[in-house]
């Protein structure tokens, strides 16, 4: 796949994520994909495998009673990495999370093989999920 195809894959991933379309997301991730979440909070760390990644995505929705959105601002494609800039928004337990976030993606054979989340304020993101 080329740069344009990688960008389109990531864009479709955001659409599926924000509509809780886990079947489409499942098809988009490699079985052995890895997802890294920055910080030291309860949801931080490395998720190994597609099932663990999808469980993490489900946890984001569950902990916010469905009030979690990743609103893509821009996607920059490359041959090895595709970078998405998003505004992360969530509400839970009287708290609001609303901050810029960047996710780098590695696409392999037409599927997402790796993701790395970077928050503008990691401590604030960690605190939101407690």
N, C-alpha and C. Protein backbone atom coordinates (compact mmCIF):
# COMPACT_ATOMS: atom_id res chain seq x y z
N UNK A 1 0.84 -1.19 0.00
CA UNK A 1 0.00 0.00 0.00
C UNK A 1 0.88 1.24 0.00
N UNK A 2 0.37 2.29 -0.60
CA UNK A 2 1.09 3.54 -0.63
C UNK A 2 0.57 4.52 0.40
N UNK A 3 1.13 5.70 0.36
CA UNK A 3 0.78 6.74 1.32
C UNK A 3 -0.72 7.06 1.32
N UNK A 4 -1.30 7.25 0.14
CA UNK A 4 -2.73 7.61 0.06
C UNK A 4 -3.61 6.49 0.64
N UNK A 5 -3.26 5.26 0.36
CA UNK A 5 -4.04 4.13 0.88
C UNK A 5 -3.92 4.03 2.40
N UNK A 6 -2.73 4.31 2.93
CA UNK A 6 -2.54 4.28 4.38
C UNK A 6 -3.39 5.35 5.06
N UNK A 7 -3.41 6.56 4.47
CA UNK A 7 -4.22 7.65 5.01
C UNK A 7 -5.69 7.25 4.99
N UNK A 8 -6.16 6.68 3.90
CA UNK A 8 -7.57 6.28 3.80
C UNK A 8 -7.91 5.19 4.80
N UNK A 9 -7.01 4.23 5.01
CA UNK A 9 -7.24 3.19 6.01
C UNK A 9 -7.40 3.79 7.40
N UNK A 10 -6.52 4.70 7.76
CA UNK A 10 -6.59 5.34 9.09
C UNK A 10 -7.87 6.16 9.20
N UNK A 11 -8.23 6.88 8.15
CA UNK A 11 -9.46 7.68 8.18
C UNK A 11 -10.70 6.78 8.38
N UNK A 12 -10.74 5.66 7.67
CA UNK A 12 -11.85 4.71 7.85
C UNK A 12 -11.85 4.14 9.27
N UNK A 13 -10.66 3.96 9.84
CA UNK A 13 -10.56 3.47 11.21
C UNK A 13 -11.18 4.44 12.20
N UNK A 14 -10.95 5.73 12.00
CA UNK A 14 -11.57 6.73 12.87
C UNK A 14 -13.09 6.69 12.74
N UNK A 15 -13.58 6.57 11.52
CA UNK A 15 -15.04 6.50 11.33
C UNK A 15 -15.61 5.28 12.04
N UNK A 16 -14.95 4.15 11.91
CA UNK A 16 -15.43 2.93 12.57
C UNK A 16 -15.35 3.07 14.09
N UNK A 17 -14.26 3.63 14.59
CA UNK A 17 -14.09 3.80 16.03
C UNK A 17 -15.21 4.67 16.60
N UNK A 18 -15.44 5.82 15.98
CA UNK A 18 -16.42 6.77 16.51
C UNK A 18 -17.86 6.29 16.37
N UNK A 19 -18.09 5.29 15.54
CA UNK A 19 -19.43 4.72 15.44
C UNK A 19 -19.51 3.36 16.13
N UNK A 20 -18.46 3.00 16.89
CA UNK A 20 -18.40 1.74 17.64
C UNK A 20 -18.60 0.53 16.73
N UNK A 21 -18.06 0.59 15.53
CA UNK A 21 -18.16 -0.49 14.56
C UNK A 21 -16.97 -1.44 14.75
N UNK A 22 -17.09 -2.30 15.75
CA UNK A 22 -15.98 -3.19 16.10
C UNK A 22 -15.68 -4.22 15.01
N UNK A 23 -16.68 -4.62 14.24
CA UNK A 23 -16.45 -5.58 13.17
C UNK A 23 -15.51 -4.99 12.12
N UNK A 24 -15.75 -3.75 11.73
CA UNK A 24 -14.87 -3.09 10.76
C UNK A 24 -13.48 -2.89 11.35
N UNK A 25 -13.41 -2.45 12.60
CA UNK A 25 -12.10 -2.28 13.24
C UNK A 25 -11.34 -3.59 13.29
N UNK A 26 -12.03 -4.66 13.59
CA UNK A 26 -11.39 -5.97 13.66
C UNK A 26 -10.73 -6.33 12.33
N UNK A 27 -11.40 -6.04 11.24
CA UNK A 27 -10.85 -6.31 9.91
C UNK A 27 -9.65 -5.43 9.58
N UNK A 28 -9.58 -4.25 10.20
CA UNK A 28 -8.54 -3.28 9.87
C UNK A 28 -7.23 -3.55 10.61
N UNK A 29 -7.30 -4.30 11.71
CA UNK A 29 -6.11 -4.55 12.51
C UNK A 29 -5.53 -5.92 12.23
N UNK A 30 -4.21 -5.98 12.13
CA UNK A 30 -3.53 -7.27 12.01
C UNK A 30 -3.75 -8.05 13.30
N UNK A 31 -3.81 -9.36 13.18
CA UNK A 31 -4.04 -10.20 14.36
C UNK A 31 -2.97 -9.99 15.42
N UNK A 32 -1.73 -9.74 15.00
CA UNK A 32 -0.62 -9.55 15.93
C UNK A 32 -0.28 -8.07 16.18
N UNK A 33 -1.24 -7.19 15.91
CA UNK A 33 -1.01 -5.76 16.09
C UNK A 33 -0.67 -5.43 17.55
N UNK A 34 -0.02 -4.30 17.72
CA UNK A 34 0.38 -3.82 19.04
C UNK A 34 -0.08 -2.37 19.17
N UNK A 35 -0.58 -2.01 20.35
CA UNK A 35 -1.05 -0.64 20.61
C UNK A 35 -0.40 -0.17 21.90
N UNK A 36 0.21 1.01 21.86
CA UNK A 36 0.92 1.58 23.01
C UNK A 36 0.17 2.82 23.49
N UNK A 37 -0.12 2.88 24.77
CA UNK A 37 -0.80 4.02 25.36
C UNK A 37 0.16 4.67 26.36
N UNK A 38 0.48 5.94 26.11
CA UNK A 38 1.42 6.66 26.96
C UNK A 38 0.86 6.86 28.36
N UNK A 39 1.75 7.09 29.31
CA UNK A 39 1.34 7.41 30.66
C UNK A 39 1.54 6.26 31.63
N UNK A 40 1.00 6.48 32.84
CA UNK A 40 1.11 5.47 33.88
C UNK A 40 -0.24 5.22 34.55
N UNK A 41 -1.30 5.55 33.83
CA UNK A 41 -2.65 5.37 34.37
C UNK A 41 -3.16 3.95 34.21
N UNK A 42 -4.41 3.75 34.61
CA UNK A 42 -4.99 2.42 34.61
C UNK A 42 -5.16 1.85 33.20
N UNK A 43 -5.24 2.70 32.18
CA UNK A 43 -5.38 2.23 30.81
C UNK A 43 -4.09 2.32 30.00
N UNK A 44 -3.03 2.81 30.62
CA UNK A 44 -1.75 2.96 29.93
C UNK A 44 -1.08 1.61 29.73
N UNK A 45 -0.11 1.60 28.83
CA UNK A 45 0.66 0.38 28.61
C UNK A 45 0.48 -0.16 27.21
N UNK A 46 1.01 -1.34 27.00
CA UNK A 46 0.99 -1.98 25.69
C UNK A 46 -0.10 -3.03 25.61
N UNK A 47 -0.86 -2.96 24.53
CA UNK A 47 -1.91 -3.95 24.26
C UNK A 47 -1.38 -4.85 23.14
N UNK A 48 -1.25 -6.13 23.42
CA UNK A 48 -0.68 -7.10 22.48
C UNK A 48 -1.79 -7.85 21.76
N UNK A 49 -1.89 -7.68 20.45
CA UNK A 49 -2.86 -8.43 19.66
C UNK A 49 -4.15 -7.66 19.42
N UNK A 50 -4.79 -8.00 18.30
CA UNK A 50 -6.03 -7.33 17.89
C UNK A 50 -7.10 -7.40 18.98
N UNK A 51 -7.29 -8.55 19.61
CA UNK A 51 -8.34 -8.69 20.63
C UNK A 51 -8.09 -7.76 21.82
N UNK A 52 -6.85 -7.63 22.24
CA UNK A 52 -6.53 -6.74 23.36
C UNK A 52 -6.75 -5.28 22.97
N UNK A 53 -6.44 -4.93 21.74
CA UNK A 53 -6.64 -3.56 21.26
C UNK A 53 -8.14 -3.24 21.23
N UNK A 54 -8.92 -4.15 20.68
CA UNK A 54 -10.36 -3.92 20.61
C UNK A 54 -10.99 -3.87 22.01
N UNK A 55 -10.48 -4.67 22.93
CA UNK A 55 -10.95 -4.62 24.32
C UNK A 55 -10.64 -3.26 24.93
N UNK A 56 -9.45 -2.73 24.64
CA UNK A 56 -9.08 -1.38 25.12
C UNK A 56 -10.04 -0.34 24.56
N UNK A 57 -10.32 -0.40 23.25
CA UNK A 57 -11.25 0.55 22.65
C UNK A 57 -12.62 0.44 23.32
N UNK A 58 -13.07 -0.79 23.59
CA UNK A 58 -14.34 -0.99 24.27
C UNK A 58 -14.33 -0.41 25.67
N UNK A 59 -13.20 -0.51 26.34
CA UNK A 59 -13.06 0.05 27.69
C UNK A 59 -13.19 1.57 27.67
N UNK A 60 -12.67 2.21 26.64
CA UNK A 60 -12.81 3.67 26.52
C UNK A 60 -14.28 4.05 26.47
N UNK A 61 -15.04 3.32 25.69
CA UNK A 61 -16.46 3.58 25.59
C UNK A 61 -17.21 3.25 26.86
N UNK A 62 -16.88 2.12 27.46
CA UNK A 62 -17.57 1.71 28.68
C UNK A 62 -17.32 2.68 29.83
N UNK A 63 -16.08 3.11 29.99
CA UNK A 63 -15.76 4.01 31.11
C UNK A 63 -16.36 5.40 30.94
N UNK A 64 -16.77 5.76 29.72
CA UNK A 64 -17.38 7.07 29.47
C UNK A 64 -18.86 6.93 29.11
N UNK A 65 -19.43 5.76 29.36
CA UNK A 65 -20.83 5.49 29.03
C UNK A 65 -21.14 5.93 27.60
N UNK A 66 -20.22 5.65 26.69
CA UNK A 66 -20.40 5.96 25.28
C UNK A 66 -20.09 7.39 24.89
N UNK A 67 -19.54 8.16 25.83
CA UNK A 67 -19.24 9.58 25.56
C UNK A 67 -17.75 9.79 25.31
N UNK A 68 -17.17 8.98 24.43
CA UNK A 68 -15.77 9.15 24.06
C UNK A 68 -15.69 9.28 22.55
N UNK A 69 -15.00 10.31 22.09
CA UNK A 69 -14.83 10.53 20.66
C UNK A 69 -13.39 10.92 20.37
N UNK A 70 -12.92 10.44 19.24
CA UNK A 70 -11.60 10.81 18.72
C UNK A 70 -11.86 11.54 17.41
N UNK A 71 -11.87 12.86 17.48
CA UNK A 71 -12.22 13.68 16.33
C UNK A 71 -10.97 14.04 15.55
N UNK A 72 -10.81 13.40 14.40
CA UNK A 72 -9.59 13.56 13.61
C UNK A 72 -9.52 14.98 13.05
N UNK A 73 -8.37 15.60 13.21
CA UNK A 73 -8.10 16.94 12.70
C UNK A 73 -7.34 16.88 11.38
N UNK A 74 -6.39 15.94 11.32
CA UNK A 74 -5.57 15.80 10.13
C UNK A 74 -4.88 14.45 10.15
N UNK A 75 -4.58 13.94 8.99
CA UNK A 75 -3.83 12.69 8.86
C UNK A 75 -2.70 12.95 7.87
N UNK A 76 -1.50 12.63 8.29
CA UNK A 76 -0.31 12.82 7.46
C UNK A 76 0.24 11.44 7.13
N UNK A 77 0.31 11.13 5.85
CA UNK A 77 0.74 9.81 5.42
C UNK A 77 2.21 9.75 5.08
N UNK A 78 2.75 8.59 5.26
CA UNK A 78 4.13 8.31 4.89
C UNK A 78 4.25 6.86 4.48
N UNK A 79 5.38 6.50 3.96
CA UNK A 79 5.60 5.12 3.54
C UNK A 79 5.70 4.17 4.72
N UNK A 80 6.30 4.62 5.82
CA UNK A 80 6.48 3.75 6.99
C UNK A 80 5.53 4.08 8.13
N UNK A 81 5.16 5.35 8.27
CA UNK A 81 4.28 5.77 9.36
C UNK A 81 3.21 6.71 8.83
N UNK A 82 2.04 6.60 9.42
CA UNK A 82 0.95 7.52 9.15
C UNK A 82 0.59 8.12 10.50
N UNK A 83 0.47 9.45 10.53
CA UNK A 83 0.25 10.16 11.79
C UNK A 83 -1.11 10.84 11.75
N UNK A 84 -1.89 10.61 12.79
CA UNK A 84 -3.19 11.26 12.92
C UNK A 84 -3.16 12.23 14.10
N UNK A 85 -3.67 13.41 13.86
CA UNK A 85 -3.81 14.42 14.90
C UNK A 85 -5.30 14.50 15.21
N UNK A 86 -5.63 14.35 16.47
CA UNK A 86 -7.04 14.31 16.85
C UNK A 86 -7.30 15.15 18.08
N UNK A 87 -8.56 15.49 18.27
CA UNK A 87 -9.03 16.09 19.51
C UNK A 87 -9.76 14.99 20.25
N UNK A 88 -9.24 14.59 21.40
CA UNK A 88 -9.82 13.54 22.20
C UNK A 88 -10.84 14.16 23.15
N UNK A 89 -12.03 13.59 23.18
CA UNK A 89 -13.06 14.11 24.08
C UNK A 89 -13.77 12.95 24.77
N UNK A 90 -13.86 13.06 26.09
CA UNK A 90 -14.58 12.07 26.87
C UNK A 90 -15.18 12.71 28.11
N UNK A 91 -16.24 12.11 28.60
CA UNK A 91 -16.88 12.56 29.84
C UNK A 91 -17.17 11.35 30.70
N UNK A 92 -16.79 11.45 31.98
CA UNK A 92 -17.03 10.35 32.91
C UNK A 92 -16.91 10.84 34.34
N UNK A 93 -17.82 10.39 35.18
CA UNK A 93 -17.75 10.67 36.63
C UNK A 93 -17.58 12.16 36.93
N UNK A 94 -18.27 13.00 36.19
CA UNK A 94 -18.21 14.44 36.42
C UNK A 94 -16.95 15.10 35.89
N UNK A 95 -16.10 14.35 35.21
CA UNK A 95 -14.87 14.90 34.65
C UNK A 95 -14.98 14.95 33.13
N UNK A 96 -14.23 15.88 32.54
CA UNK A 96 -14.18 16.00 31.09
C UNK A 96 -12.73 15.93 30.63
N UNK A 97 -12.51 15.15 29.61
CA UNK A 97 -11.20 15.07 28.95
C UNK A 97 -11.37 15.69 27.57
N UNK A 98 -10.61 16.72 27.28
CA UNK A 98 -10.70 17.40 25.98
C UNK A 98 -9.32 17.93 25.65
N UNK A 99 -8.57 17.15 24.86
CA UNK A 99 -7.20 17.56 24.58
C UNK A 99 -6.70 17.01 23.25
N UNK A 100 -5.73 17.72 22.67
CA UNK A 100 -5.09 17.21 21.45
C UNK A 100 -4.32 15.92 21.75
N UNK A 101 -4.37 15.01 20.79
CA UNK A 101 -3.68 13.73 20.89
C UNK A 101 -3.12 13.39 19.51
N UNK A 102 -1.98 12.75 19.49
CA UNK A 102 -1.40 12.28 18.23
C UNK A 102 -1.25 10.77 18.33
N UNK A 103 -1.61 10.09 17.26
CA UNK A 103 -1.40 8.65 17.18
C UNK A 103 -0.57 8.36 15.92
N UNK A 104 0.51 7.64 16.11
CA UNK A 104 1.29 7.18 14.95
C UNK A 104 0.87 5.76 14.64
N UNK A 105 0.71 5.48 13.37
CA UNK A 105 0.28 4.16 12.91
C UNK A 105 1.35 3.56 12.01
N UNK A 106 1.53 2.26 12.12
CA UNK A 106 2.32 1.49 11.17
C UNK A 106 1.34 0.59 10.44
N UNK A 107 1.34 0.67 9.10
CA UNK A 107 0.46 -0.16 8.29
C UNK A 107 1.31 -1.21 7.60
N UNK A 108 0.84 -2.45 7.70
CA UNK A 108 1.55 -3.57 7.08
C UNK A 108 0.53 -4.42 6.32
N UNK A 109 0.78 -4.64 5.05
CA UNK A 109 -0.10 -5.49 4.23
C UNK A 109 -1.56 -5.06 4.30
N UNK A 110 -1.79 -3.76 4.29
CA UNK A 110 -3.16 -3.25 4.26
C UNK A 110 -3.89 -3.25 5.59
N UNK A 111 -3.19 -3.55 6.68
CA UNK A 111 -3.81 -3.54 8.00
C UNK A 111 -2.95 -2.74 8.97
N UNK A 112 -3.58 -2.24 10.01
CA UNK A 112 -2.84 -1.52 11.05
C UNK A 112 -2.10 -2.54 11.89
N UNK A 113 -0.78 -2.37 11.97
CA UNK A 113 0.07 -3.30 12.71
C UNK A 113 0.53 -2.73 14.04
N UNK A 114 0.51 -1.40 14.16
CA UNK A 114 0.96 -0.77 15.40
C UNK A 114 0.36 0.61 15.52
N UNK A 115 0.04 1.00 16.76
CA UNK A 115 -0.41 2.35 17.07
C UNK A 115 0.26 2.82 18.34
N UNK A 116 0.60 4.11 18.36
CA UNK A 116 1.19 4.73 19.56
C UNK A 116 0.45 6.03 19.84
N UNK A 117 -0.18 6.12 21.02
CA UNK A 117 -0.93 7.31 21.43
C UNK A 117 -0.03 8.24 22.24
N UNK A 118 -0.09 9.52 21.91
CA UNK A 118 0.65 10.55 22.64
C UNK A 118 -0.32 11.68 22.97
N UNK A 119 -0.53 11.93 24.26
CA UNK A 119 -1.46 12.96 24.72
C UNK A 119 -0.72 14.27 24.96
N UNK A 120 -1.43 15.39 24.79
CA UNK A 120 -0.83 16.69 25.07
C UNK A 120 -0.42 16.78 26.54
N UNK A 121 -1.23 16.23 27.42
CA UNK A 121 -0.96 16.27 28.86
C UNK A 121 -1.22 14.86 29.42
N UNK A 122 -0.17 14.07 29.49
CA UNK A 122 -0.32 12.67 29.90
C UNK A 122 -0.85 12.55 31.32
N UNK A 123 -0.39 13.42 32.22
CA UNK A 123 -0.86 13.35 33.61
C UNK A 123 -2.37 13.62 33.68
N UNK A 124 -2.84 14.57 32.90
CA UNK A 124 -4.28 14.89 32.90
C UNK A 124 -5.07 13.70 32.32
N UNK A 125 -4.55 13.07 31.28
CA UNK A 125 -5.23 11.91 30.70
C UNK A 125 -5.25 10.77 31.72
N UNK A 126 -4.14 10.52 32.40
CA UNK A 126 -4.09 9.48 33.43
C UNK A 126 -5.13 9.74 34.51
N UNK A 127 -5.23 11.00 34.95
CA UNK A 127 -6.15 11.37 36.02
C UNK A 127 -7.60 11.18 35.58
N UNK A 128 -7.90 11.47 34.34
CA UNK A 128 -9.28 11.33 33.85
C UNK A 128 -9.78 9.90 33.99
N UNK A 129 -8.91 8.91 33.73
CA UNK A 129 -9.35 7.52 33.75
C UNK A 129 -9.39 6.90 35.14
N UNK A 130 -8.94 7.62 36.18
CA UNK A 130 -8.99 7.06 37.54
C UNK A 130 -10.35 7.27 38.16
